[in-house]
């Protein structure tokens, strides 16, 4: 009976917490839902101008609620970010690529390799990479995540930088896949922002080929809970948790207190455990269909289990007791 009462109480507390959770609006300076137009619903930065991009279905299947980009002459121009405080920014967006190419979703224009702000998903390379350039790319302004699996599904991306918190992060589908200290400064915030990207500093086409939806720009770093709220908004997210993964595997037991097993592997590769701050805390090479990994020395919490194999990647979440 006590167990039942405790369970009901916990359910009520969790339910109240969920109901009270709100999509982050604090310090939002740009909100572009693309609901039939490119207007700024925050009324801060200002309405965007569409050049050639066409309205299409969004991630929920609603017509005329996202924009599609086919070539470098198609882009959306957002007014400059002069109101941004030095080095405090978060960009949130949904994107679905049609083909594997440069696929840079947003950039400050004109582009400057030494003073750059560019966000690229599934960048064509060996291996395929995700790129977050902020500052001088000849110095330490470039951040790269390798082995990003290419597909034609919708994905949620959040790019974060904060001088005050000494933080630079990338989230993809509610997972923090990159986290480091603040490693670059942007000098010229007076440039416009191109959605769908365009021509880079060298004259190359780094444009996105596909659809982009629901862009939000914040004048501060978002935390992991706020990223999760944005990812789950409207109940139609379609990230890794809702489709077959590139690498199939299971983990058990979950929750785990001392160790867990990686089950069902059909290929060799590398297993990484990532904590809530985005740091890799365990790395193991695996080659068997059943591999045991120790977590006894890790603090309790929620971890991301990432399997990388042959330029493909899969994810699971692990609860450490």
C-alpha atoms as a PDB file:
ATOM      1  CA  UNK A   1       0.000   0.000   0.000  1.00  0.00           C
ATOM      2  CA  UNK A   2       2.834   2.378   0.878  1.00  0.00           C
ATOM      3  CA  UNK A   3       4.469   1.543  -2.428  1.00  0.00           C
ATOM      4  CA  UNK A   4       1.252   2.350  -4.271  1.00  0.00           C
ATOM      5  CA  UNK A   5       0.871   5.680  -2.468  1.00  0.00           C
ATOM      6  CA  UNK A   6       4.505   6.537  -3.170  1.00  0.00           C
ATOM      7  CA  UNK A   7       4.108   5.674  -6.856  1.00  0.00           C
ATOM      8  CA  UNK A   8       0.956   7.768  -7.167  1.00  0.00           C
ATOM      9  CA  UNK A   9       2.649  10.679  -5.399  1.00  0.00           C
ATOM     10  CA  UNK A  10       5.667  10.456  -7.679  1.00  0.00           C
ATOM     11  CA  UNK A  11       3.410  10.333 -10.724  1.00  0.00           C
ATOM     12  CA  UNK A  12       1.553  13.449  -9.561  1.00  0.00           C
ATOM     13  CA  UNK A  13       4.797  15.321  -8.904  1.00  0.00           C
ATOM     14  CA  UNK A  14       6.149  14.384 -12.329  1.00  0.00           C
ATOM     15  CA  UNK A  15       2.858  15.322 -13.941  1.00  0.00           C
ATOM     16  CA  UNK A  16       2.818  18.737 -12.288  1.00  0.00           C
ATOM     17  CA  UNK A  17       6.452  19.293 -13.315  1.00  0.00           C
ATOM     18  CA  UNK A  18       5.653  18.452 -16.923  1.00  0.00           C
ATOM     19  CA  UNK A  19       2.599  20.700 -16.941  1.00  0.00           C
ATOM     20  CA  UNK A  20       4.609  23.561 -15.484  1.00  0.00           C
ATOM     21  CA  UNK A  21       7.440  23.147 -18.010  1.00  0.00           C
ATOM     22  CA  UNK A  22       7.236  25.800 -20.679  1.00  0.00           C
ATOM     23  CA  UNK A  23       8.914  26.280 -24.028  1.00  0.00           C
ATOM     24  CA  UNK A  24      11.753  28.740 -23.301  1.00  0.00           C
ATOM     25  CA  UNK A  25      10.965  32.353 -24.163  1.00  0.00           C
ATOM     26  CA  UNK A  26      13.409  34.195 -21.875  1.00  0.00           C
ATOM     27  CA  UNK A  27      15.811  36.308 -23.964  1.00  0.00           C
ATOM     28  CA  UNK A  28      14.405  35.052 -27.250  1.00  0.00           C
ATOM     29  CA  UNK A  29      15.313  37.595 -29.939  1.00  0.00           C
ATOM     30  CA  UNK A  30      14.143  35.753 -33.041  1.00  0.00           C
ATOM     31  CA  UNK A  31      11.284  33.286 -33.571  1.00  0.00           C
ATOM     32  CA  UNK A  32      10.601  32.149 -37.111  1.00  0.00           C
ATOM     33  CA  UNK A  33       7.936  29.425 -37.218  1.00  0.00           C
ATOM     34  CA  UNK A  34       7.589  29.787 -41.010  1.00  0.00           C
ATOM     35  CA  UNK A  35       3.804  29.444 -40.729  1.00  0.00           C
ATOM     36  CA  UNK A  36       3.096  30.704 -44.234  1.00  0.00           C
ATOM     37  CA  UNK A  37       5.729  33.462 -44.023  1.00  0.00           C
ATOM     38  CA  UNK A  38       9.102  34.401 -42.515  1.00  0.00           C
ATOM     39  CA  UNK A  39       7.861  36.896 -39.916  1.00  0.00           C
ATOM     40  CA  UNK A  40       9.626  37.271 -36.575  1.00  0.00           C
ATOM     41  CA  UNK A  41       7.078  36.329 -33.910  1.00  0.00           C
ATOM     42  CA  UNK A  42       9.344  37.655 -31.160  1.00  0.00           C
ATOM     43  CA  UNK A  43       9.258  41.120 -32.756  1.00  0.00           C
ATOM     44  CA  UNK A  44      12.861  41.677 -31.705  1.00  0.00           C
ATOM     45  CA  UNK A  45      15.308  41.099 -34.578  1.00  0.00           C
ATOM     46  CA  UNK A  46      12.678  41.708 -37.238  1.00  0.00           C
ATOM     47  CA  UNK A  47      10.941  39.926 -40.102  1.00  0.00           C
ATOM     48  CA  UNK A  48      13.071  37.947 -42.543  1.00  0.00           C
ATOM     49  CA  UNK A  49      13.094  38.280 -46.331  1.00  0.00           C
ATOM     50  CA  UNK A  50      12.656  35.202 -48.521  1.00  0.00           C
ATOM     51  CA  UNK A  51      14.724  34.885 -51.712  1.00  0.00           C
ATOM     52  CA  UNK A  52      13.590  31.960 -53.854  1.00  0.00           C
ATOM     53  CA  UNK A  53      12.940  29.463 -51.030  1.00  0.00           C
ATOM     54  CA  UNK A  54       9.512  27.820 -51.260  1.00  0.00           C
ATOM     55  CA  UNK A  55       6.979  26.893 -48.583  1.00  0.00           C
ATOM     56  CA  UNK A  56       6.628  23.168 -47.904  1.00  0.00           C
ATOM     57  CA  UNK A  57       5.424  20.662 -45.276  1.00  0.00           C
ATOM     58  CA  UNK A  58       6.936  20.946 -41.823  1.00  0.00           C
ATOM     59  CA  UNK A  59       8.031  18.083 -39.580  1.00  0.00           C
ATOM     60  CA  UNK A  60       4.405  17.555 -38.453  1.00  0.00           C
ATOM     61  CA  UNK A  61       3.126  17.269 -42.018  1.00  0.00           C
ATOM     62  CA  UNK A  62       1.465  20.683 -42.042  1.00  0.00           C
ATOM     63  CA  UNK A  63       1.595  22.290 -45.502  1.00  0.00           C
ATOM     64  CA  UNK A  64       3.221  25.708 -45.982  1.00  0.00           C
ATOM     65  CA  UNK A  65       4.892  25.625 -42.541  1.00  0.00           C
ATOM     66  CA  UNK A  66       8.569  25.219 -43.465  1.00  0.00           C
ATOM     67  CA  UNK A  67      10.856  26.411 -46.263  1.00  0.00           C
ATOM     68  CA  UNK A  68      12.612  24.311 -48.885  1.00  0.00           C
ATOM     69  CA  UNK A  69      15.989  25.206 -50.437  1.00  0.00           C
ATOM     70  CA  UNK A  70      17.262  23.744 -53.715  1.00  0.00           C
ATOM     71  CA  UNK A  71      20.288  25.860 -54.665  1.00  0.00           C
ATOM     72  CA  UNK A  72      22.581  28.651 -53.459  1.00  0.00           C
ATOM     73  CA  UNK A  73      20.322  31.374 -54.884  1.00  0.00           C
ATOM     74  CA  UNK A  74      17.539  30.313 -52.516  1.00  0.00           C
ATOM     75  CA  UNK A  75      17.901  31.606 -48.967  1.00  0.00           C
ATOM     76  CA  UNK A  76      16.175  33.592 -46.233  1.00  0.00           C
ATOM     77  CA  UNK A  77      17.796  36.764 -44.896  1.00  0.00           C
ATOM     78  CA  UNK A  78      17.388  37.614 -41.203  1.00  0.00           C
ATOM     79  CA  UNK A  79      18.369  41.125 -40.036  1.00  0.00           C
ATOM     80  CA  UNK A  80      21.628  41.498 -38.150  1.00  0.00           C
ATOM     81  CA  UNK A  81      22.267  40.497 -34.533  1.00  0.00           C
ATOM     82  CA  UNK A  82      23.545  43.825 -33.182  1.00  0.00           C
ATOM     83  CA  UNK A  83      21.469  43.364 -30.011  1.00  0.00           C
ATOM     84  CA  UNK A  84      23.404  40.216 -29.094  1.00  0.00           C
ATOM     85  CA  UNK A  85      25.632  40.523 -26.062  1.00  0.00           C
ATOM     86  CA  UNK A  86      29.189  39.413 -26.660  1.00  0.00           C
ATOM     87  CA  UNK A  87      29.381  35.640 -26.988  1.00  0.00           C
ATOM     88  CA  UNK A  88      25.935  34.684 -25.621  1.00  0.00           C
ATOM     89  CA  UNK A  89      23.875  32.869 -28.262  1.00  0.00           C
ATOM     90  CA  UNK A  90      21.682  29.829 -28.888  1.00  0.00           C
ATOM     91  CA  UNK A  91      20.306  28.809 -32.283  1.00  0.00           C
ATOM     92  CA  UNK A  92      17.538  26.181 -32.414  1.00  0.00           C
ATOM     93  CA  UNK A  93      16.158  24.780 -35.669  1.00  0.00           C
ATOM     94  CA  UNK A  94      14.702  21.722 -37.402  1.00  0.00           C
ATOM     95  CA  UNK A  95      16.147  20.551 -40.713  1.00  0.00           C
ATOM     96  CA  UNK A  96      15.706  17.705 -43.210  1.00  0.00           C
ATOM     97  CA  UNK A  97      18.370  17.261 -45.870  1.00  0.00           C
ATOM     98  CA  UNK A  98      17.544  15.940 -49.333  1.00  0.00           C
ATOM     99  CA  UNK A  99      21.091  15.024 -50.362  1.00  0.00           C
ATOM    100  CA  UNK A 100      24.539  14.776 -48.807  1.00  0.00           C
ATOM    101  CA  UNK A 101      26.387  18.001 -49.546  1.00  0.00           C
ATOM    102  CA  UNK A 102      27.759  20.936 -47.530  1.00  0.00           C
ATOM    103  CA  UNK A 103      24.325  21.374 -45.906  1.00  0.00           C
ATOM    104  CA  UNK A 104      25.103  24.537 -43.944  1.00  0.00           C
ATOM    105  CA  UNK A 105      21.810  25.660 -42.424  1.00  0.00           C
ATOM    106  CA  UNK A 106      22.709  29.138 -41.178  1.00  0.00           C
ATOM    107  CA  UNK A 107      25.583  31.568 -41.604  1.00  0.00           C
ATOM    108  CA  UNK A 108      26.447  35.209 -41.023  1.00  0.00           C
ATOM    109  CA  UNK A 109      26.960  36.953 -44.346  1.00  0.00           C
ATOM    110  CA  UNK A 110      29.294  38.029 -45.788  1.00  0.00           C
ATOM    111  CA  UNK A 111      31.332  35.082 -44.606  1.00  0.00           C
ATOM    112  CA  UNK A 112      34.750  35.625 -43.055  1.00  0.00           C
ATOM    113  CA  UNK A 113      37.003  32.684 -42.216  1.00  0.00           C
ATOM    114  CA  UNK A 114      38.630  34.690 -39.422  1.00  0.00           C
ATOM    115  CA  UNK A 115      35.324  35.954 -37.978  1.00  0.00           C
ATOM    116  CA  UNK A 116      32.833  33.233 -38.756  1.00  0.00           C
ATOM    117  CA  UNK A 117      29.400  32.090 -37.600  1.00  0.00           C
ATOM    118  CA  UNK A 118      28.299  29.014 -39.592  1.00  0.00           C
ATOM    119  CA  UNK A 119      26.225  25.947 -38.645  1.00  0.00           C
ATOM    120  CA  UNK A 120      26.387  22.882 -40.918  1.00  0.00           C
ATOM    121  CA  UNK A 121      24.549  19.560 -40.613  1.00  0.00           C
ATOM    122  CA  UNK A 122      25.742  16.331 -42.246  1.00  0.00           C
ATOM    123  CA  UNK A 123      28.628  18.037 -44.062  1.00  0.00           C
ATOM    124  CA  UNK A 124      29.980  15.946 -46.954  1.00  0.00           C
ATOM    125  CA  UNK A 125      33.370  14.639 -45.947  1.00  0.00           C
ATOM    126  CA  UNK A 126      35.233  11.535 -44.881  1.00  0.00           C
ATOM    127  CA  UNK A 127      33.737  10.912 -42.403  1.00  0.00           C
ATOM    128  CA  UNK A 128      30.513  12.930 -42.608  1.00  0.00           C
ATOM    129  CA  UNK A 129      30.691  15.767 -40.072  1.00  0.00           C
ATOM    130  CA  UNK A 130      28.607  18.352 -38.257  1.00  0.00           C
ATOM    131  CA  UNK A 131      30.252  21.794 -38.002  1.00  0.00           C
ATOM    132  CA  UNK A 132      29.836  24.744 -35.608  1.00  0.00           C
ATOM    133  CA  UNK A 133      32.118  27.633 -36.575  1.00  0.00           C
ATOM    134  CA  UNK A 134      32.197  30.633 -34.252  1.00  0.00           C
ATOM    135  CA  UNK A 135      35.099  33.071 -34.399  1.00  0.00           C
ATOM    136  CA  UNK A 136      38.507  32.638 -36.024  1.00  0.00           C
ATOM    137  CA  UNK A 137      38.686  29.256 -37.781  1.00  0.00           C
ATOM    138  CA  UNK A 138      42.457  29.587 -38.192  1.00  0.00           C
ATOM    139  CA  UNK A 139      42.688  29.620 -34.416  1.00  0.00           C
ATOM    140  CA  UNK A 140      40.122  27.670 -32.337  1.00  0.00           C
ATOM    141  CA  UNK A 141      36.797  28.827 -33.743  1.00  0.00           C
ATOM    142  CA  UNK A 142      35.930  25.564 -35.520  1.00  0.00           C
ATOM    143  CA  UNK A 143      34.157  22.687 -33.738  1.00  0.00           C
ATOM    144  CA  UNK A 144      33.556  19.410 -35.595  1.00  0.00           C
ATOM    145  CA  UNK A 145      31.611  16.244 -34.738  1.00  0.00           C
ATOM    146  CA  UNK A 146      32.628  13.243 -36.861  1.00  0.00           C
ATOM    147  CA  UNK A 147      30.586  10.186 -37.870  1.00  0.00           C
ATOM    148  CA  UNK A 148      27.241  11.983 -38.214  1.00  0.00           C
ATOM    149  CA  UNK A 149      24.988   9.567 -40.039  1.00  0.00           C
ATOM    150  CA  UNK A 150      23.299  11.028 -43.120  1.00  0.00           C
ATOM    151  CA  UNK A 151      19.611  10.394 -43.750  1.00  0.00           C
ATOM    152  CA  UNK A 152      16.586  12.282 -45.055  1.00  0.00           C
ATOM    153  CA  UNK A 153      14.670  12.507 -41.750  1.00  0.00           C
ATOM    154  CA  UNK A 154      13.874  15.665 -39.801  1.00  0.00           C
ATOM    155  CA  UNK A 155      16.426  16.421 -37.075  1.00  0.00           C
ATOM    156  CA  UNK A 156      16.513  19.034 -34.332  1.00  0.00           C
ATOM    157  CA  UNK A 157      19.722  21.050 -33.924  1.00  0.00           C
ATOM    158  CA  UNK A 158      20.783  23.476 -31.200  1.00  0.00           C
ATOM    159  CA  UNK A 159      24.061  25.423 -31.385  1.00  0.00           C
ATOM    160  CA  UNK A 160      25.145  27.177 -28.175  1.00  0.00           C
ATOM    161  CA  UNK A 161      27.980  29.503 -27.247  1.00  0.00           C
ATOM    162  CA  UNK A 162      28.547  31.361 -23.977  1.00  0.00           C
ATOM    163  CA  UNK A 163      31.510  33.440 -22.872  1.00  0.00           C
ATOM    164  CA  UNK A 164      30.096  33.837 -19.342  1.00  0.00           C
ATOM    165  CA  UNK A 165      29.613  30.084 -18.844  1.00  0.00           C
ATOM    166  CA  UNK A 166      32.757  29.123 -20.794  1.00  0.00           C
ATOM    167  CA  UNK A 167      30.637  26.877 -22.990  1.00  0.00           C
ATOM    168  CA  UNK A 168      30.229  25.757 -26.583  1.00  0.00           C
ATOM    169  CA  UNK A 169      27.756  22.963 -27.360  1.00  0.00           C
ATOM    170  CA  UNK A 170      25.910  21.158 -30.134  1.00  0.00           C
ATOM    171  CA  UNK A 171      22.694  19.203 -29.616  1.00  0.00           C
ATOM    172  CA  UNK A 172      21.179  16.870 -32.191  1.00  0.00           C
ATOM    173  CA  UNK A 173      17.814  15.261 -31.475  1.00  0.00           C
ATOM    174  CA  UNK A 174      17.992  16.045 -27.753  1.00  0.00           C
ATOM    175  CA  UNK A 175      21.488  14.564 -27.368  1.00  0.00           C
ATOM    176  CA  UNK A 176      24.474  16.756 -26.532  1.00  0.00           C
ATOM    177  CA  UNK A 177      26.986  15.495 -29.098  1.00  0.00           C
ATOM    178  CA  UNK A 178      29.635  18.182 -28.525  1.00  0.00           C
ATOM    179  CA  UNK A 179      30.624  20.177 -25.452  1.00  0.00           C
ATOM    180  CA  UNK A 180      33.756  22.216 -24.786  1.00  0.00           C
ATOM    181  CA  UNK A 181      34.921  25.471 -23.288  1.00  0.00           C
ATOM    182  CA  UNK A 182      34.282  28.789 -25.004  1.00  0.00           C
ATOM    183  CA  UNK A 183      36.848  28.812 -27.797  1.00  0.00           C
ATOM    184  CA  UNK A 184      36.224  31.759 -30.071  1.00  0.00           C
ATOM    185  CA  UNK A 185      35.096  35.351 -30.343  1.00  0.00           C
ATOM    186  CA  UNK A 186      32.926  36.997 -32.960  1.00  0.00           C
ATOM    187  CA  UNK A 187      33.791  40.587 -33.793  1.00  0.00           C
ATOM    188  CA  UNK A 188      31.190  41.686 -36.346  1.00  0.00           C
ATOM    189  CA  UNK A 189      27.595  41.046 -35.249  1.00  0.00           C
ATOM    190  CA  UNK A 190      26.326  43.645 -37.723  1.00  0.00           C
ATOM    191  CA  UNK A 191      26.059  41.181 -40.598  1.00  0.00           C
ATOM    192  CA  UNK A 192      22.842  39.589 -41.771  1.00  0.00           C
ATOM    193  CA  UNK A 193      22.036  35.926 -41.104  1.00  0.00           C
ATOM    194  CA  UNK A 194      21.348  33.652 -44.076  1.00  0.00           C
ATOM    195  CA  UNK A 195      19.080  30.635 -43.579  1.00  0.00           C
ATOM    196  CA  UNK A 196      19.827  27.983 -46.170  1.00  0.00           C
ATOM    197  CA  UNK A 197      23.333  29.471 -46.134  1.00  0.00           C
ATOM    198  CA  UNK A 198      24.921  30.469 -49.427  1.00  0.00           C
ATOM    199  CA  UNK A 199      28.403  31.371 -50.684  1.00  0.00           C
ATOM    200  CA  UNK A 200      31.342  31.120 -48.298  1.00  0.00           C
ATOM    201  CA  UNK A 201      34.471  33.290 -48.037  1.00  0.00           C
ATOM    202  CA  UNK A 202      36.217  31.297 -50.804  1.00  0.00           C
ATOM    203  CA  UNK A 203      33.321  31.509 -53.260  1.00  0.00           C
ATOM    204  CA  UNK A 204      32.169  27.946 -52.580  1.00  0.00           C
ATOM    205  CA  UNK A 205      28.526  26.913 -52.342  1.00  0.00           C
ATOM    206  CA  UNK A 206      27.862  25.678 -48.794  1.00  0.00           C
ATOM    207  CA  UNK A 207      24.081  25.944 -49.069  1.00  0.00           C
ATOM    208  CA  UNK A 208      21.573  23.580 -47.476  1.00  0.00           C
ATOM    209  CA  UNK A 209      19.658  21.300 -49.832  1.00  0.00           C
ATOM    210  CA  UNK A 210      16.407  20.408 -48.100  1.00  0.00           C
ATOM    211  CA  UNK A 211      13.837  21.861 -45.705  1.00  0.00           C
ATOM    212  CA  UNK A 212      14.245  24.023 -42.579  1.00  0.00           C
ATOM    213  CA  UNK A 213      11.587  24.719 -39.958  1.00  0.00           C
ATOM    214  CA  UNK A 214      11.037  26.625 -36.724  1.00  0.00           C
ATOM    215  CA  UNK A 215      14.158  28.726 -36.080  1.00  0.00           C
ATOM    216  CA  UNK A 216      14.623  30.342 -32.672  1.00  0.00           C
ATOM    217  CA  UNK A 217      17.486  32.593 -31.653  1.00  0.00           C
ATOM    218  CA  UNK A 218      18.260  33.349 -28.006  1.00  0.00           C
ATOM    219  CA  UNK A 219      20.519  35.974 -26.478  1.00  0.00           C
ATOM    220  CA  UNK A 220      21.755  33.455 -23.888  1.00  0.00           C
ATOM    221  CA  UNK A 221      22.787  29.783 -23.609  1.00  0.00           C
ATOM    222  CA  UNK A 222      19.945  27.263 -23.349  1.00  0.00           C
ATOM    223  CA  UNK A 223      20.255  24.455 -20.799  1.00  0.00           C
ATOM    224  CA  UNK A 224      19.601  20.762 -21.456  1.00  0.00           C
ATOM    225  CA  UNK A 225      16.048  20.890 -20.068  1.00  0.00           C
ATOM    226  CA  UNK A 226      15.152  23.775 -22.377  1.00  0.00           C
ATOM    227  CA  UNK A 227      16.634  21.939 -25.350  1.00  0.00           C
ATOM    228  CA  UNK A 228      14.487  18.926 -24.465  1.00  0.00           C
ATOM    229  CA  UNK A 229      11.355  21.079 -24.294  1.00  0.00           C
ATOM    230  CA  UNK A 230      12.048  22.480 -27.748  1.00  0.00           C
ATOM    231  CA  UNK A 231      12.689  18.990 -29.110  1.00  0.00           C
ATOM    232  CA  UNK A 232       9.416  17.586 -27.754  1.00  0.00           C
ATOM    233  CA  UNK A 233       7.286  20.590 -28.660  1.00  0.00           C
ATOM    234  CA  UNK A 234       4.033  19.768 -30.497  1.00  0.00           C
ATOM    235  CA  UNK A 235       4.600  16.040 -30.024  1.00  0.00           C
ATOM    236  CA  UNK A 236       5.752  15.456 -33.601  1.00  0.00           C
ATOM    237  CA  UNK A 237       9.509  15.225 -33.223  1.00  0.00           C
ATOM    238  CA  UNK A 238      11.138  12.651 -35.489  1.00  0.00           C
ATOM    239  CA  UNK A 239      14.686  12.224 -34.257  1.00  0.00           C
ATOM    240  CA  UNK A 240      16.706   9.119 -33.431  1.00  0.00           C
ATOM    241  CA  UNK A 241      14.191   7.932 -30.817  1.00  0.00           C
ATOM    242  CA  UNK A 242      11.439   7.429 -33.392  1.00  0.00           C
ATOM    243  CA  UNK A 243      13.095   5.658 -36.319  1.00  0.00           C
ATOM    244  CA  UNK A 244      15.435   2.710 -36.935  1.00  0.00           C
ATOM    245  CA  UNK A 245      18.974   3.641 -36.002  1.00  0.00           C
ATOM    246  CA  UNK A 246      21.985   3.315 -38.269  1.00  0.00           C
ATOM    247  CA  UNK A 247      23.596   0.958 -35.716  1.00  0.00           C
ATOM    248  CA  UNK A 248      21.206  -1.448 -34.005  1.00  0.00           C
ATOM    249  CA  UNK A 249      21.952  -2.535 -30.421  1.00  0.00           C
ATOM    250  CA  UNK A 250      20.351  -2.835 -26.984  1.00  0.00           C
ATOM    251  CA  UNK A 251      21.614  -2.303 -23.427  1.00  0.00           C
ATOM    252  CA  UNK A 252      20.702  -4.233 -20.253  1.00  0.00           C
ATOM    253  CA  UNK A 253      20.154  -3.963 -17.396  1.00  0.00           C
ATOM    254  CA  UNK A 254      18.833  -0.430 -17.553  1.00  0.00           C
ATOM    255  CA  UNK A 255      18.945   1.152 -14.967  1.00  0.00           C
ATOM    256  CA  UNK A 256      22.367  -0.222 -14.049  1.00  0.00           C
ATOM    257  CA  UNK A 257      24.415   0.096 -10.864  1.00  0.00           C
ATOM    258  CA  UNK A 258      27.737  -1.599 -11.576  1.00  0.00           C
ATOM    259  CA  UNK A 259      27.813  -2.696 -15.223  1.00  0.00           C
ATOM    260  CA  UNK A 260      25.636  -3.150 -18.276  1.00  0.00           C
ATOM    261  CA  UNK A 261      25.801  -5.277 -21.386  1.00  0.00           C
ATOM    262  CA  UNK A 262      25.723  -4.123 -24.981  1.00  0.00           C
ATOM    263  CA  UNK A 263      23.590  -6.667 -26.816  1.00  0.00           C
ATOM    264  CA  UNK A 264      22.781  -7.540 -30.400  1.00  0.00           C
ATOM    265  CA  UNK A 265      25.790  -5.976 -32.096  1.00  0.00           C
ATOM    266  CA  UNK A 266      26.365  -7.203 -35.624  1.00  0.00           C
ATOM    267  CA  UNK A 267      29.546  -5.241 -36.230  1.00  0.00           C
ATOM    268  CA  UNK A 268      32.630  -4.068 -34.348  1.00  0.00           C
ATOM    269  CA  UNK A 269      33.105  -0.478 -33.329  1.00  0.00           C
ATOM    270  CA  UNK A 270      33.436   1.913 -30.412  1.00  0.00           C
ATOM    271  CA  UNK A 271      31.080   2.501 -27.497  1.00  0.00           C
ATOM    272  CA  UNK A 272      31.119   5.878 -25.742  1.00  0.00           C
ATOM    273  CA  UNK A 273      29.298   6.961 -22.582  1.00  0.00           C
ATOM    274  CA  UNK A 274      28.446  10.665 -22.526  1.00  0.00           C
ATOM    275  CA  UNK A 275      27.364  12.447 -19.346  1.00  0.00           C
ATOM    276  CA  UNK A 276      24.739  15.188 -19.056  1.00  0.00           C
ATOM    277  CA  UNK A 277      27.394  17.849 -19.711  1.00  0.00           C
ATOM    278  CA  UNK A 278      28.276  16.300 -23.063  1.00  0.00           C
ATOM    279  CA  UNK A 279      31.624  14.854 -21.948  1.00  0.00           C
ATOM    280  CA  UNK A 280      32.754  11.355 -22.983  1.00  0.00           C
ATOM    281  CA  UNK A 281      33.480   9.544 -19.700  1.00  0.00           C
ATOM    282  CA  UNK A 282      33.912   5.940 -20.915  1.00  0.00           C
ATOM    283  CA  UNK A 283      35.261   4.613 -24.217  1.00  0.00           C
ATOM    284  CA  UNK A 284      35.360   0.897 -25.091  1.00  0.00           C
ATOM    285  CA  UNK A 285      36.213  -0.934 -28.304  1.00  0.00           C
ATOM    286  CA  UNK A 286      33.667  -3.691 -28.922  1.00  0.00           C
ATOM    287  CA  UNK A 287      33.685  -6.604 -31.350  1.00  0.00           C
ATOM    288  CA  UNK A 288      31.374  -9.199 -29.784  1.00  0.00           C
ATOM    289  CA  UNK A 289      27.598  -9.457 -29.958  1.00  0.00           C
ATOM    290  CA  UNK A 290      27.539  -9.209 -26.150  1.00  0.00           C
ATOM    291  CA  UNK A 291      29.969  -6.886 -24.336  1.00  0.00           C
ATOM    292  CA  UNK A 292      29.963  -5.909 -20.642  1.00  0.00           C
ATOM    293  CA  UNK A 293      30.926  -2.348 -19.663  1.00  0.00           C
ATOM    294  CA  UNK A 294      31.620  -1.202 -16.105  1.00  0.00           C
ATOM    295  CA  UNK A 295      29.973   1.954 -14.760  1.00  0.00           C
ATOM    296  CA  UNK A 296      30.569   1.290 -11.080  1.00  0.00           C
ATOM    297  CA  UNK A 297      32.825   4.351 -10.687  1.00  0.00           C
ATOM    298  CA  UNK A 298      30.441   6.759 -12.421  1.00  0.00           C
ATOM    299  CA  UNK A 299      28.111   9.024 -10.432  1.00  0.00           C
ATOM    300  CA  UNK A 300      24.377   8.388 -10.618  1.00  0.00           C
ATOM    301  CA  UNK A 301      22.611  10.103 -13.496  1.00  0.00           C
ATOM    302  CA  UNK A 302      21.432   9.764 -17.085  1.00  0.00           C
ATOM    303  CA  UNK A 303      24.037   8.943 -19.723  1.00  0.00           C
ATOM    304  CA  UNK A 304      23.981   8.691 -23.507  1.00  0.00           C
ATOM    305  CA  UNK A 305      25.412   5.456 -24.914  1.00  0.00           C
ATOM    306  CA  UNK A 306      26.801   6.121 -28.384  1.00  0.00           C
ATOM    307  CA  UNK A 307      27.882   3.313 -30.719  1.00  0.00           C
ATOM    308  CA  UNK A 308      30.089   4.292 -33.680  1.00  0.00           C
ATOM    309  CA  UNK A 309      30.775   1.792 -36.419  1.00  0.00           C
ATOM    310  CA  UNK A 310      31.864   2.253 -40.032  1.00  0.00           C
ATOM    311  CA  UNK A 311      30.836   5.927 -40.191  1.00  0.00           C
ATOM    312  CA  UNK A 312      27.426   5.066 -38.727  1.00  0.00           C
ATOM    313  CA  UNK A 313      26.135   5.883 -35.283  1.00  0.00           C
ATOM    314  CA  UNK A 314      23.407   4.740 -32.884  1.00  0.00           C
ATOM    315  CA  UNK A 315      22.225   5.981 -29.487  1.00  0.00           C
ATOM    316  CA  UNK A 316      20.649   4.642 -26.306  1.00  0.00           C
ATOM    317  CA  UNK A 317      20.007   6.276 -22.947  1.00  0.00           C
ATOM    318  CA  UNK A 318      21.299   4.657 -19.756  1.00  0.00           C
ATOM    319  CA  UNK A 319      20.208   5.380 -16.179  1.00  0.00           C
ATOM    320  CA  UNK A 320      23.070   4.873 -13.699  1.00  0.00           C
ATOM    321  CA  UNK A 321      21.893   4.172 -10.155  1.00  0.00           C
END
